[in-house]
Amino acid sequence: MLLKSLRGLFALLVLPFVLTMGLGLSTSALAVDDQTSQQMANTSDADLWRAVQSGDSGYTTKKGVESGVLINVSAIEATEIKNQYLTPAMGLAVLGVFGAFVVFYFVNGPSKLSKGYSGKMVLRWSKADLWIHWVLAISCLGLIFTGINIMLGKHILQPYVGEGMWAGLINASKFIHDYVGPVFIVSWILCVVKWMPLQTFKMYDLKWFLVVGGYINFGPFKGKHPDSGFANAGEKMWFWTLTLFGLFISVSGMMLVLPGLELPREASFAALLIHAISAIIIIAFTIVHIWMATVLSEGGMECMKSGYCDENWAVQHHNLWYDEIKANGTLEYKD
């Protein structure tokens, strides 16, 4: 009887320790399970975020081109290229080329007519040519100024104007840029089709480059007037630059402003970079073209104002063309 009582008392004493140990083991097991589950969840989240950052496509109920891609890697790369390289290049094209011609003008001066004005005006451009030129020129300048504001305005203009004025300027630039674009494209096509036969390079164009077109007023190049046909070598280079990069800028511009195309975002950002690069090149050549046709060439601007040029200007700058029209009887003077 006593033995049974001692056994019962021992069981009562041992039972709490057994329960405590069992409960501790269960808690530890649960803690291990929770820790394992948390690690698996963390690993899954890290893999998911890594996939999102790398541009992997997931699933979404929204339908469309690349609708399952949360982060477009090409967009980030394109933005970095634009900010680090193309924006400074745009500034260099505007300020660098313009500044270089200002220095050249003050050092060298304009290219004067060696025999002065003759007073006889020779027909050079038709009325249709003048219309094509000025529509193309005005639309191109409109695109250049608005494009410069779109790319550089936030760096050189926005800090000095109010937020409301800046919003109005950038919206107006975008609106004008989009709607002037088609005018440029149509006039560019007419220019290329109509003037291409006059822009083939000849062997004598090489000499034009070697003596810098006869525009140098000092040293061994002074007084040199190289042979030239209807278009000189510099004008031909400008024409083919405009033809090639005008094509690039037109196609890429349409890709950017026509939402119905539903292009992949990689294609859109590639178009943005091509558009910017083409614009930089065209801007640089446009500045050169304007300087050469106005300030640096005495009598040159008159050609695109009336369609006629002074006879001495034609002989000095386009002698082969002048000899040709004189020989075949198509030389026409202004009344």
Protein backbone atom coordinates (compact mmCIF):
# COMPACT_ATOMS: atom_id res chain seq x y z
CA MET A 1 0.00 0.00 0.00
CA LEU A 2 2.82 2.31 0.90
CA LEU A 3 4.61 1.33 -2.31
CA LYS A 4 1.60 2.31 -4.39
CA SER A 5 1.39 5.65 -2.61
CA LEU A 6 5.09 6.34 -3.28
CA ARG A 7 4.67 5.45 -6.96
CA GLY A 8 1.72 7.84 -7.29
CA LEU A 9 3.63 10.61 -5.56
CA PHE A 10 6.65 10.07 -7.88
CA ALA A 11 4.41 10.19 -10.92
CA LEU A 12 2.96 13.50 -9.79
CA LEU A 13 6.43 14.94 -9.26
CA VAL A 14 7.81 13.74 -12.63
CA LEU A 15 4.77 14.65 -14.74
CA PRO A 16 5.40 18.45 -14.83
CA PHE A 17 8.98 17.92 -15.99
CA VAL A 18 7.86 15.58 -18.77
CA LEU A 19 5.19 17.97 -19.91
CA THR A 20 7.62 20.90 -19.82
CA MET A 21 10.25 19.04 -21.86
CA GLY A 22 7.66 17.89 -24.40
CA LEU A 23 6.26 21.35 -24.73
CA GLY A 24 9.78 22.76 -25.18
CA LEU A 25 10.55 20.26 -27.88
CA SER A 26 7.32 21.10 -29.68
CA THR A 27 8.03 24.84 -29.46
CA SER A 28 11.56 24.35 -30.81
CA ALA A 29 10.22 22.29 -33.67
CA LEU A 30 7.66 24.94 -34.48
CA ALA A 31 10.34 27.64 -34.33
CA VAL A 32 12.53 25.68 -36.74
CA ASP A 33 9.58 25.21 -39.08
CA ASP A 34 8.77 28.94 -38.97
CA GLN A 35 12.41 29.87 -39.61
CA THR A 36 12.62 27.49 -42.56
CA SER A 37 9.38 28.84 -44.00
CA GLN A 38 10.62 32.42 -43.60
CA GLN A 39 13.91 31.60 -45.34
CA MET A 40 12.02 29.96 -48.20
CA ALA A 41 9.75 32.98 -48.47
CA ASN A 42 12.74 35.35 -48.45
CA THR A 43 14.47 33.28 -51.12
CA SER A 44 11.33 33.27 -53.24
CA ASP A 45 10.92 37.05 -52.90
CA ALA A 46 14.58 37.65 -53.77
CA ASP A 47 14.31 35.47 -56.86
CA LEU A 48 11.13 37.26 -57.88
CA TRP A 49 12.66 40.73 -57.45
CA ARG A 50 15.82 39.64 -59.27
CA ALA A 51 13.67 38.46 -62.18
CA VAL A 52 11.72 41.73 -62.20
CA GLN A 53 14.94 43.78 -62.20
CA SER A 54 16.39 41.75 -65.06
CA GLY A 55 13.31 42.46 -67.17
CA ASP A 56 11.80 38.97 -67.14
CA SER A 57 8.20 38.70 -68.25
CA GLY A 58 5.52 37.55 -65.81
CA TYR A 59 1.78 37.05 -66.03
CA THR A 60 -0.84 39.77 -66.05
CA THR A 61 -4.47 39.95 -67.05
CA LYS A 62 -3.75 43.12 -69.03
CA LYS A 63 -3.22 42.36 -72.69
CA GLY A 64 -0.77 44.26 -74.86
CA VAL A 65 2.85 44.37 -76.02
CA GLU A 66 5.12 43.43 -73.10
CA SER A 67 2.35 44.04 -70.57
CA GLY A 68 3.87 41.39 -68.30
CA VAL A 69 7.18 43.23 -67.92
CA LEU A 70 7.32 45.42 -64.80
CA ILE A 71 10.79 46.91 -65.36
CA ASN A 72 12.12 47.46 -68.86
CA VAL A 73 15.91 47.21 -68.69
CA SER A 74 16.41 48.71 -72.14
CA ALA A 75 14.53 51.83 -71.02
CA ILE A 76 16.93 52.36 -68.14
CA GLU A 77 19.94 51.81 -70.39
CA ALA A 78 18.55 54.14 -73.07
CA THR A 79 17.91 56.85 -70.49
CA GLU A 80 21.47 56.56 -69.17
CA ILE A 81 22.92 56.79 -72.71
CA LYS A 82 20.74 59.82 -73.47
CA ASN A 83 21.66 61.66 -70.25
CA GLN A 84 25.37 60.79 -70.19
CA TYR A 85 26.26 61.07 -73.88
CA LEU A 86 23.56 62.47 -76.15
CA THR A 87 22.51 65.48 -74.09
CA PRO A 88 26.11 66.78 -73.81
CA ALA A 89 26.62 66.01 -77.52
CA MET A 90 23.57 68.11 -78.35
CA GLY A 91 25.01 71.02 -76.37
CA LEU A 92 28.36 70.60 -78.11
CA ALA A 93 26.70 70.54 -81.53
CA VAL A 94 24.90 73.80 -80.82
CA LEU A 95 27.50 75.80 -78.90
CA GLY A 96 30.66 74.14 -80.23
CA VAL A 97 29.95 74.36 -83.95
CA PHE A 98 28.40 77.82 -83.69
CA GLY A 99 31.29 79.09 -81.57
CA ALA A 100 33.87 77.61 -83.97
CA PHE A 101 32.33 79.51 -86.89
CA VAL A 102 32.23 82.74 -84.90
CA VAL A 103 35.97 82.40 -84.22
CA PHE A 104 36.63 81.45 -87.86
CA TYR A 105 34.69 84.48 -89.09
CA PHE A 106 36.62 86.95 -86.93
CA VAL A 107 39.97 85.36 -87.86
CA ASN A 108 39.31 84.72 -91.56
CA GLY A 109 36.48 87.02 -92.56
CA PRO A 110 33.94 86.29 -95.32
CA SER A 111 34.70 85.00 -98.80
CA LYS A 112 34.55 88.14 -100.93
CA LEU A 113 33.83 88.27 -104.64
CA SER A 114 37.27 88.76 -106.18
CA LYS A 115 35.81 90.85 -109.05
CA GLY A 116 32.99 92.43 -107.08
CA TYR A 117 29.35 92.43 -108.13
CA SER A 118 28.70 92.46 -111.87
CA GLY A 119 25.13 93.66 -111.63
CA LYS A 120 23.98 90.85 -113.94
CA MET A 121 21.74 88.29 -112.22
CA VAL A 122 21.73 84.70 -113.48
CA LEU A 123 18.78 82.33 -112.90
CA ARG A 124 19.80 79.52 -110.56
CA TRP A 125 16.68 78.26 -108.74
CA SER A 126 13.09 77.98 -109.93
CA LYS A 127 10.09 79.15 -107.90
CA ALA A 128 9.32 75.53 -107.02
CA ASP A 129 12.89 75.10 -105.73
CA LEU A 130 12.51 78.20 -103.55
CA TRP A 131 9.25 76.96 -102.06
CA ILE A 132 10.70 73.53 -101.30
CA HIS A 133 13.80 75.07 -99.75
CA TRP A 134 12.00 77.52 -97.47
CA VAL A 135 9.29 75.09 -96.32
CA LEU A 136 12.03 72.57 -95.53
CA ALA A 137 14.22 75.22 -93.87
CA ILE A 138 11.45 76.70 -91.69
CA SER A 139 10.11 73.30 -90.62
CA CYS A 140 13.66 72.08 -89.90
CA LEU A 141 14.42 75.16 -87.78
CA GLY A 142 11.12 74.71 -85.93
CA LEU A 143 12.05 71.11 -85.12
CA ILE A 144 15.58 72.13 -84.11
CA PHE A 145 14.50 74.83 -81.64
CA THR A 146 11.74 72.75 -80.06
CA GLY A 147 13.96 69.66 -80.01
CA ILE A 148 16.74 71.57 -78.26
CA ASN A 149 14.24 72.74 -75.64
CA ILE A 150 12.98 69.18 -75.14
CA MET A 151 16.50 67.79 -74.67
CA LEU A 152 18.36 70.68 -73.04
CA GLY A 153 15.64 72.93 -71.65
CA LYS A 154 15.51 71.32 -68.22
CA HIS A 155 19.24 72.02 -67.81
CA ILE A 156 19.57 75.53 -69.25
CA LEU A 157 16.09 77.05 -69.04
CA GLN A 158 13.94 75.39 -66.38
CA PRO A 159 16.06 76.58 -63.39
CA TYR A 160 15.49 80.22 -64.39
CA VAL A 161 11.74 80.27 -65.11
CA GLY A 162 8.72 79.49 -62.99
CA GLU A 163 7.11 76.05 -62.96
CA GLY A 164 4.03 77.31 -64.77
CA MET A 165 6.05 78.96 -67.54
CA TRP A 166 8.26 75.91 -67.92
CA ALA A 167 5.22 73.62 -68.17
CA GLY A 168 3.78 75.84 -70.89
CA LEU A 169 7.08 75.98 -72.80
CA ILE A 170 7.73 72.25 -72.74
CA ASN A 171 4.13 71.43 -73.71
CA ALA A 172 4.23 73.93 -76.56
CA SER A 173 7.57 72.52 -77.73
CA LYS A 174 6.19 68.99 -77.75
CA PHE A 175 3.01 70.08 -79.60
CA ILE A 176 4.91 72.06 -82.25
CA HIS A 177 7.51 69.31 -82.66
CA ASP A 178 4.86 66.65 -83.31
CA TYR A 179 2.83 68.69 -85.80
CA VAL A 180 5.70 70.30 -87.71
CA GLY A 181 7.27 66.87 -88.22
CA PRO A 182 4.96 65.82 -91.10
CA VAL A 183 5.64 69.13 -92.90
CA PHE A 184 9.36 68.44 -92.66
CA ILE A 185 8.95 64.89 -93.93
CA VAL A 186 6.96 65.92 -97.02
CA SER A 187 9.34 68.77 -97.93
CA TRP A 188 12.32 66.50 -97.26
CA ILE A 189 10.96 63.91 -99.72
CA LEU A 190 10.42 66.59 -102.39
CA CYS A 191 13.93 67.95 -101.80
CA VAL A 192 15.56 64.54 -102.13
CA VAL A 193 13.62 63.55 -105.25
CA LYS A 194 14.05 66.88 -107.05
CA TRP A 195 17.67 67.69 -106.21
CA MET A 196 19.33 64.28 -106.08
CA PRO A 197 20.42 64.31 -109.78
CA LEU A 198 22.48 67.44 -109.06
CA GLN A 199 24.30 65.97 -106.05
CA THR A 200 26.53 63.23 -107.46
CA PHE A 201 30.17 63.54 -106.41
CA LYS A 202 32.82 64.15 -109.07
CA MET A 203 36.61 63.91 -108.99
CA TYR A 204 36.98 67.69 -108.93
CA ASP A 205 35.05 67.76 -105.63
CA LEU A 206 38.11 66.29 -103.93
CA LYS A 207 40.12 69.42 -104.76
CA TRP A 208 37.31 71.54 -103.33
CA PHE A 209 37.83 69.84 -99.97
CA LEU A 210 41.63 70.10 -100.22
CA VAL A 211 41.49 73.89 -100.55
CA VAL A 212 38.51 74.24 -98.16
CA GLY A 213 36.27 75.50 -100.94
CA GLY A 214 38.28 78.67 -101.49
CA TYR A 215 36.92 80.24 -98.29
CA ILE A 216 40.34 80.66 -96.63
CA ASN A 217 41.69 84.21 -96.86
CA PHE A 218 45.25 83.61 -95.70
CA GLY A 219 48.25 81.36 -96.38
CA PRO A 220 48.60 79.09 -99.42
CA PHE A 221 44.81 78.72 -99.75
CA LYS A 222 44.16 82.44 -100.25
CA GLY A 223 42.55 83.25 -103.59
CA LYS A 224 41.99 79.60 -104.52
CA HIS A 225 38.69 79.03 -106.32
CA PRO A 226 38.27 75.29 -106.98
CA ASP A 227 36.13 73.94 -109.79
CA SER A 228 32.51 73.28 -108.94
CA GLY A 229 29.36 72.25 -110.74
CA PHE A 230 25.84 73.32 -109.85
CA ALA A 231 26.45 72.18 -106.27
CA ASN A 232 29.87 72.37 -104.68
CA ALA A 233 31.34 69.54 -102.62
CA GLY A 234 30.24 71.09 -99.32
CA GLU A 235 26.65 71.42 -100.53
CA LYS A 236 26.71 67.82 -101.73
CA MET A 237 27.95 66.63 -98.34
CA TRP A 238 25.15 68.59 -96.65
CA PHE A 239 22.57 67.15 -99.08
CA TRP A 240 23.57 63.52 -98.50
CA THR A 241 23.79 64.05 -94.74
CA LEU A 242 20.28 65.47 -94.77
CA THR A 243 19.10 62.64 -97.03
CA LEU A 244 20.46 59.84 -94.84
CA PHE A 245 19.81 61.23 -91.37
CA GLY A 246 16.59 62.87 -92.52
CA LEU A 247 15.40 59.36 -93.31
CA PHE A 248 16.49 58.10 -89.88
CA ILE A 249 14.90 61.01 -88.05
CA SER A 250 11.65 60.73 -90.02
CA VAL A 251 11.18 56.99 -89.49
CA SER A 252 12.18 57.10 -85.82
CA GLY A 253 9.96 60.15 -85.26
CA MET A 254 6.93 58.33 -86.67
CA MET A 255 7.70 55.35 -84.44
CA LEU A 256 7.66 57.65 -81.41
CA VAL A 257 4.46 59.59 -82.12
CA LEU A 258 2.19 56.91 -83.60
CA PRO A 259 0.77 54.87 -80.68
CA GLY A 260 -1.20 52.62 -83.00
CA LEU A 261 2.00 50.86 -84.02
CA GLU A 262 2.19 49.10 -80.60
CA LEU A 263 5.92 48.49 -80.89
CA PRO A 264 7.97 46.67 -78.24
CA ARG A 265 9.49 49.07 -75.76
CA GLU A 266 12.99 48.11 -76.88
CA ALA A 267 12.11 49.30 -80.38
CA SER A 268 10.66 52.55 -79.02
CA PHE A 269 13.76 53.36 -77.01
CA ALA A 270 16.03 52.41 -79.91
CA ALA A 271 14.00 54.84 -82.03
CA LEU A 272 14.48 57.52 -79.35
CA LEU A 273 18.27 57.10 -79.45
CA ILE A 274 18.39 57.05 -83.27
CA HIS A 275 16.19 60.15 -83.33
CA ALA A 276 18.49 62.01 -80.93
CA ILE A 277 21.71 61.01 -82.74
CA SER A 278 20.26 61.99 -86.12
CA ALA A 279 19.08 65.31 -84.69
CA ILE A 280 22.55 66.11 -83.33
CA ILE A 281 24.17 65.47 -86.71
CA ILE A 282 21.54 67.46 -88.63
CA ILE A 283 21.80 70.38 -86.20
CA ALA A 284 25.59 70.53 -86.59
CA PHE A 285 25.37 70.49 -90.40
CA THR A 286 22.50 73.00 -90.41
CA ILE A 287 24.61 75.50 -88.49
CA VAL A 288 27.46 75.01 -90.97
CA HIS A 289 25.07 75.38 -93.92
CA ILE A 290 23.54 78.60 -92.61
CA TRP A 291 26.96 80.15 -91.89
CA MET A 292 28.32 79.20 -95.30
CA ALA A 293 25.29 80.44 -97.21
CA THR A 294 24.92 83.76 -95.41
CA VAL A 295 27.83 85.23 -93.48
CA LEU A 296 30.79 83.50 -95.15
CA SER A 297 29.75 83.79 -98.81
CA GLU A 298 29.28 87.26 -100.20
CA GLY A 299 26.26 87.20 -102.49
CA GLY A 300 25.26 83.66 -101.52
CA MET A 301 22.01 84.49 -99.73
CA GLU A 302 20.56 86.20 -102.77
CA CYS A 303 20.26 82.80 -104.48
CA MET A 304 17.56 81.64 -102.09
CA LYS A 305 15.82 85.00 -101.87
CA SER A 306 15.11 85.61 -105.55
CA GLY A 307 16.39 82.47 -107.28
CA TYR A 308 19.04 84.53 -109.07
CA CYS A 309 22.76 84.90 -108.35
CA ASP A 310 25.26 87.51 -109.46
CA GLU A 311 27.17 86.42 -112.56
CA ASN A 312 30.54 86.95 -110.86
CA TRP A 313 29.35 84.83 -107.92
CA ALA A 314 28.41 82.04 -110.34
CA VAL A 315 31.80 82.20 -112.08
CA GLN A 316 33.74 82.21 -108.81
CA HIS A 317 31.81 79.56 -106.87
CA HIS A 318 30.21 77.36 -109.57
CA ASN A 319 32.31 77.89 -112.68
CA LEU A 320 31.64 74.52 -114.31
CA TRP A 321 27.89 75.00 -114.01
CA TYR A 322 28.16 78.53 -115.42
CA ASP A 323 30.25 77.31 -118.37
CA GLU A 324 27.74 74.54 -119.02
CA ILE A 325 24.62 76.72 -119.13
CA LYS A 326 26.47 79.31 -121.21
CA ALA A 327 27.55 76.67 -123.69
CA ASN A 328 24.16 74.96 -124.05
CA GLY A 329 22.19 78.20 -124.28
CA THR A 330 20.20 77.86 -121.04
CA LEU A 331 21.88 80.87 -119.40
CA GLU A 332 19.05 83.19 -118.38
CA TYR A 333 19.46 86.70 -116.99
CA LYS A 334 17.04 88.57 -114.80
CA ASP A 335 15.14 91.31 -116.65
